[in-house]
């Protein structure tokens, strides 16, 4: 488990599901984060799959979800409905 996923465990206050794919959202945009593709530094890795089966980085996902004003993808992206930061 990489350091960012360990961070997710403590921030969310509960153990992440054992699934390698997590449902994520940003605004009205929905996607699926592939944990095996999310390696440090995750912001630069195309690890979020969109509905059209294309992959984007967490940063681009944040812009596509119209949450760029938050400036930090961890504030914008939610995993299973819970804010990462």
C-alpha atoms as a PDB file:
ATOM      1  CA  UNK A   1       0.000   0.000   0.000  1.00  0.00           C
ATOM      2  CA  UNK A   2       1.512   3.330  -0.972  1.00  0.00           C
ATOM      3  CA  UNK A   3       1.697   6.346   1.311  1.00  0.00           C
ATOM      4  CA  UNK A   4      -1.252   8.217  -0.221  1.00  0.00           C
ATOM      5  CA  UNK A   5      -3.586   5.245   0.258  1.00  0.00           C
ATOM      6  CA  UNK A   6      -2.432   4.973   3.870  1.00  0.00           C
ATOM      7  CA  UNK A   7      -3.305   8.673   4.142  1.00  0.00           C
ATOM      8  CA  UNK A   8      -6.790   7.925   2.780  1.00  0.00           C
ATOM      9  CA  UNK A   9      -7.305   5.285   5.471  1.00  0.00           C
ATOM     10  CA  UNK A  10      -6.559   7.698   8.290  1.00  0.00           C
ATOM     11  CA  UNK A  11      -8.349  10.694   6.786  1.00  0.00           C
ATOM     12  CA  UNK A  12     -11.521   8.754   6.112  1.00  0.00           C
ATOM     13  CA  UNK A  13     -11.347   7.315   9.627  1.00  0.00           C
ATOM     14  CA  UNK A  14     -12.056   3.834   8.393  1.00  0.00           C
ATOM     15  CA  UNK A  15     -10.416   1.106   6.389  1.00  0.00           C
ATOM     16  CA  UNK A  16     -10.828   1.440   2.648  1.00  0.00           C
ATOM     17  CA  UNK A  17     -12.712  -1.356   0.898  1.00  0.00           C
ATOM     18  CA  UNK A  18     -10.481  -4.190  -0.304  1.00  0.00           C
ATOM     19  CA  UNK A  19     -11.548  -3.443  -3.857  1.00  0.00           C
ATOM     20  CA  UNK A  20      -8.811  -2.210  -6.173  1.00  0.00           C
ATOM     21  CA  UNK A  21     -11.315   0.180  -7.771  1.00  0.00           C
ATOM     22  CA  UNK A  22     -12.964   2.960  -5.748  1.00  0.00           C
ATOM     23  CA  UNK A  23     -15.893   5.152  -6.766  1.00  0.00           C
ATOM     24  CA  UNK A  24     -14.852   8.808  -6.850  1.00  0.00           C
ATOM     25  CA  UNK A  25     -16.691  12.018  -7.606  1.00  0.00           C
ATOM     26  CA  UNK A  26     -15.917  15.666  -8.146  1.00  0.00           C
ATOM     27  CA  UNK A  27     -18.897  17.956  -8.449  1.00  0.00           C
ATOM     28  CA  UNK A  28     -21.304  16.217 -10.842  1.00  0.00           C
ATOM     29  CA  UNK A  29     -18.525  14.151 -12.434  1.00  0.00           C
ATOM     30  CA  UNK A  30     -18.215  10.471 -11.523  1.00  0.00           C
ATOM     31  CA  UNK A  31     -15.323   8.098 -12.041  1.00  0.00           C
ATOM     32  CA  UNK A  32     -13.485   5.073 -10.729  1.00  0.00           C
ATOM     33  CA  UNK A  33     -10.051   5.338  -9.143  1.00  0.00           C
ATOM     34  CA  UNK A  34      -7.844   2.334  -9.925  1.00  0.00           C
ATOM     35  CA  UNK A  35      -5.657   1.865  -6.859  1.00  0.00           C
ATOM     36  CA  UNK A  36      -3.013  -0.159  -8.706  1.00  0.00           C
ATOM     37  CA  UNK A  37      -2.450   2.765 -11.109  1.00  0.00           C
ATOM     38  CA  UNK A  38      -2.403   5.384  -8.336  1.00  0.00           C
ATOM     39  CA  UNK A  39       1.265   5.431  -7.386  1.00  0.00           C
ATOM     40  CA  UNK A  40       3.151   8.286  -5.806  1.00  0.00           C
ATOM     41  CA  UNK A  41       2.928  11.038  -6.907  1.00  0.00           C
ATOM     42  CA  UNK A  42      -0.648  10.144  -7.790  1.00  0.00           C
ATOM     43  CA  UNK A  43      -1.608  13.587  -9.087  1.00  0.00           C
ATOM     44  CA  UNK A  44       0.472  12.934 -12.220  1.00  0.00           C
ATOM     45  CA  UNK A  45      -0.813   9.389 -12.906  1.00  0.00           C
ATOM     46  CA  UNK A  46      -3.792   8.637 -15.139  1.00  0.00           C
ATOM     47  CA  UNK A  47      -5.622   6.502 -12.614  1.00  0.00           C
ATOM     48  CA  UNK A  48      -9.250   7.708 -12.736  1.00  0.00           C
ATOM     49  CA  UNK A  49     -11.484   6.028 -15.297  1.00  0.00           C
ATOM     50  CA  UNK A  50     -14.362   8.077 -16.664  1.00  0.00           C
ATOM     51  CA  UNK A  51     -17.688   6.748 -17.961  1.00  0.00           C
ATOM     52  CA  UNK A  52     -16.330   6.719 -21.530  1.00  0.00           C
ATOM     53  CA  UNK A  53     -13.483   4.405 -20.352  1.00  0.00           C
ATOM     54  CA  UNK A  54     -10.758   7.045 -20.750  1.00  0.00           C
ATOM     55  CA  UNK A  55      -8.268   7.648 -17.956  1.00  0.00           C
ATOM     56  CA  UNK A  56      -7.359  11.036 -16.481  1.00  0.00           C
ATOM     57  CA  UNK A  57      -5.153  12.312 -13.670  1.00  0.00           C
ATOM     58  CA  UNK A  58      -6.711  13.449 -10.373  1.00  0.00           C
ATOM     59  CA  UNK A  59      -5.806  17.033 -11.282  1.00  0.00           C
ATOM     60  CA  UNK A  60      -7.573  16.880 -14.655  1.00  0.00           C
ATOM     61  CA  UNK A  61     -10.543  15.138 -12.980  1.00  0.00           C
ATOM     62  CA  UNK A  62     -10.765  18.095 -10.589  1.00  0.00           C
ATOM     63  CA  UNK A  63     -10.808  20.576 -13.509  1.00  0.00           C
ATOM     64  CA  UNK A  64     -13.382  18.536 -15.417  1.00  0.00           C
ATOM     65  CA  UNK A  65     -15.589  18.476 -12.304  1.00  0.00           C
ATOM     66  CA  UNK A  66     -15.412  22.287 -12.205  1.00  0.00           C
ATOM     67  CA  UNK A  67     -13.699  22.353  -8.804  1.00  0.00           C
ATOM     68  CA  UNK A  68     -10.417  23.953  -9.913  1.00  0.00           C
ATOM     69  CA  UNK A  69     -10.998  26.908  -7.573  1.00  0.00           C
ATOM     70  CA  UNK A  70     -10.282  24.565  -4.636  1.00  0.00           C
ATOM     71  CA  UNK A  71      -6.679  24.309  -5.980  1.00  0.00           C
ATOM     72  CA  UNK A  72      -5.989  20.980  -4.247  1.00  0.00           C
ATOM     73  CA  UNK A  73      -7.399  17.796  -5.733  1.00  0.00           C
ATOM     74  CA  UNK A  74      -7.675  16.220  -2.267  1.00  0.00           C
ATOM     75  CA  UNK A  75     -10.228  18.874  -1.308  1.00  0.00           C
ATOM     76  CA  UNK A  76     -12.184  18.425  -4.536  1.00  0.00           C
ATOM     77  CA  UNK A  77     -12.284  14.650  -5.052  1.00  0.00           C
ATOM     78  CA  UNK A  78     -14.470  12.418  -2.888  1.00  0.00           C
ATOM     79  CA  UNK A  79     -14.031   8.691  -2.392  1.00  0.00           C
ATOM     80  CA  UNK A  80     -17.315   6.893  -1.799  1.00  0.00           C
ATOM     81  CA  UNK A  81     -18.840  10.293  -0.984  1.00  0.00           C
ATOM     82  CA  UNK A  82     -16.209  11.278   1.625  1.00  0.00           C
ATOM     83  CA  UNK A  83     -13.809  14.181   1.046  1.00  0.00           C
ATOM     84  CA  UNK A  84     -10.204  12.962   0.875  1.00  0.00           C
ATOM     85  CA  UNK A  85      -8.776  15.856   2.895  1.00  0.00           C
END
